[in-house]
Amino acid sequence: MYADVYRGLTPVSGVNVSGIIEMPDGSTLVVPLLDGGSGIDMSANDGLYSGTLLSSHLTGNGYYSMKVCLKIV
């Protein structure tokens, strides 16, 4: 999963970004989204924050939703 973080046309780096997944049973899972250029994130500081949701995290059939949380550090 990924989130683009921009101010106007300028990529924003140095912030904490998380994907908050709501499971069908109402529980939540927080997945950190990173912009460091390693792992699933291909380029550092490009404003594209990336993270991985594994199939083992999925609790079963139903509706899943994702919110993105951004914290300025």
C-alpha atoms as a PDB file:
ATOM      1  CA  MET A   1       0.000   0.000   0.000  1.00  0.00           C
ATOM      2  CA  TYR A   2       1.158   3.549  -0.509  1.00  0.00           C
ATOM      3  CA  ALA A   3       0.280   7.193   0.084  1.00  0.00           C
ATOM      4  CA  ASP A   4       1.496  10.258  -1.818  1.00  0.00           C
ATOM      5  CA  VAL A   5       2.336  13.177   0.495  1.00  0.00           C
ATOM      6  CA  TYR A   6       2.767  16.542  -1.199  1.00  0.00           C
ATOM      7  CA  ARG A   7       2.447  20.207  -0.299  1.00  0.00           C
ATOM      8  CA  GLY A   8       1.302  21.674  -3.581  1.00  0.00           C
ATOM      9  CA  LEU A   9       3.664  20.119  -6.126  1.00  0.00           C
ATOM     10  CA  THR A  10       6.518  19.543  -3.646  1.00  0.00           C
ATOM     11  CA  PRO A  11       7.054  16.087  -2.094  1.00  0.00           C
ATOM     12  CA  VAL A  12       7.000  16.114   1.720  1.00  0.00           C
ATOM     13  CA  SER A  13       9.598  14.029   3.560  1.00  0.00           C
ATOM     14  CA  GLY A  14      10.448  13.621   7.220  1.00  0.00           C
ATOM     15  CA  VAL A  15       6.911  12.938   8.448  1.00  0.00           C
ATOM     16  CA  ASN A  16       5.441   9.833  10.091  1.00  0.00           C
ATOM     17  CA  VAL A  17       2.851   8.166   7.865  1.00  0.00           C
ATOM     18  CA  SER A  18       0.791   5.108   8.817  1.00  0.00           C
ATOM     19  CA  GLY A  19      -1.945   3.114   7.161  1.00  0.00           C
ATOM     20  CA  ILE A  20      -4.667   2.207   9.660  1.00  0.00           C
ATOM     21  CA  ILE A  21      -6.534  -0.891   8.473  1.00  0.00           C
ATOM     22  CA  GLU A  22      -9.965  -1.608   9.906  1.00  0.00           C
ATOM     23  CA  MET A  23     -10.708  -5.331   9.847  1.00  0.00           C
ATOM     24  CA  PRO A  24     -14.151  -6.900   9.311  1.00  0.00           C
ATOM     25  CA  ASP A  25     -14.386  -7.660  13.051  1.00  0.00           C
ATOM     26  CA  GLY A  26     -13.792  -3.986  13.953  1.00  0.00           C
ATOM     27  CA  SER A  27     -10.195  -4.412  15.117  1.00  0.00           C
ATOM     28  CA  THR A  28      -7.430  -2.260  13.611  1.00  0.00           C
ATOM     29  CA  LEU A  29      -3.928  -2.870  12.329  1.00  0.00           C
ATOM     30  CA  VAL A  30      -1.378  -0.056  11.978  1.00  0.00           C
ATOM     31  CA  VAL A  31       1.082  -0.413   9.078  1.00  0.00           C
ATOM     32  CA  PRO A  32       3.987   2.069   8.933  1.00  0.00           C
ATOM     33  CA  LEU A  33       4.457   3.696   5.517  1.00  0.00           C
ATOM     34  CA  LEU A  34       8.066   4.665   4.794  1.00  0.00           C
ATOM     35  CA  ASP A  35       9.854   6.911   2.290  1.00  0.00           C
ATOM     36  CA  GLY A  36      13.442   5.797   2.900  1.00  0.00           C
ATOM     37  CA  GLY A  37      14.183   4.141  -0.436  1.00  0.00           C
ATOM     38  CA  SER A  38      14.560   0.617   0.957  1.00  0.00           C
ATOM     39  CA  GLY A  39      12.347  -2.447   0.972  1.00  0.00           C
ATOM     40  CA  ILE A  40       9.147  -1.846  -0.964  1.00  0.00           C
ATOM     41  CA  ASP A  41       9.880   1.917  -1.187  1.00  0.00           C
ATOM     42  CA  MET A  42      11.877   2.426  -4.368  1.00  0.00           C
ATOM     43  CA  SER A  43      13.060   6.060  -4.048  1.00  0.00           C
ATOM     44  CA  ALA A  44      13.906   7.979  -0.894  1.00  0.00           C
ATOM     45  CA  ASN A  45      12.289  11.351  -0.148  1.00  0.00           C
ATOM     46  CA  ASP A  46      10.008  11.358  -3.199  1.00  0.00           C
ATOM     47  CA  GLY A  47       6.807  11.834  -1.169  1.00  0.00           C
ATOM     48  CA  LEU A  48       5.626   8.291  -1.948  1.00  0.00           C
ATOM     49  CA  TYR A  49       5.312   6.434   1.372  1.00  0.00           C
ATOM     50  CA  SER A  50       5.063   2.640   1.062  1.00  0.00           C
ATOM     51  CA  GLY A  51       4.221  -0.273   3.336  1.00  0.00           C
ATOM     52  CA  THR A  52       3.237  -3.920   3.119  1.00  0.00           C
ATOM     53  CA  LEU A  53       0.050  -5.618   4.262  1.00  0.00           C
ATOM     54  CA  LEU A  54       0.687  -9.364   4.375  1.00  0.00           C
ATOM     55  CA  SER A  55      -1.978 -11.962   3.664  1.00  0.00           C
ATOM     56  CA  SER A  56      -1.372 -13.298   7.185  1.00  0.00           C
ATOM     57  CA  HIS A  57      -2.738  -9.977   8.492  1.00  0.00           C
ATOM     58  CA  LEU A  58      -6.092 -10.593   6.821  1.00  0.00           C
ATOM     59  CA  THR A  59      -8.584 -12.073   9.286  1.00  0.00           C
ATOM     60  CA  GLY A  60     -11.147 -13.425   6.838  1.00  0.00           C
ATOM     61  CA  ASN A  61     -13.909 -12.449   4.464  1.00  0.00           C
ATOM     62  CA  GLY A  62     -15.558  -9.075   4.772  1.00  0.00           C
ATOM     63  CA  TYR A  63     -15.032  -5.366   4.306  1.00  0.00           C
ATOM     64  CA  TYR A  64     -11.600  -3.835   4.957  1.00  0.00           C
ATOM     65  CA  SER A  65     -10.969  -0.106   4.992  1.00  0.00           C
ATOM     66  CA  MET A  66      -7.786   1.964   5.189  1.00  0.00           C
ATOM     67  CA  LYS A  67      -7.190   5.432   6.564  1.00  0.00           C
ATOM     68  CA  VAL A  68      -3.911   7.291   6.324  1.00  0.00           C
ATOM     69  CA  CYS A  69      -2.512   9.084   9.376  1.00  0.00           C
ATOM     70  CA  LEU A  70       0.156  11.752   8.931  1.00  0.00           C
ATOM     71  CA  LYS A  71       2.138  13.187  11.855  1.00  0.00           C
ATOM     72  CA  ILE A  72       4.596  16.021  11.430  1.00  0.00           C
ATOM     73  CA  VAL A  73       7.734  15.417  13.509  1.00  0.00           C
END
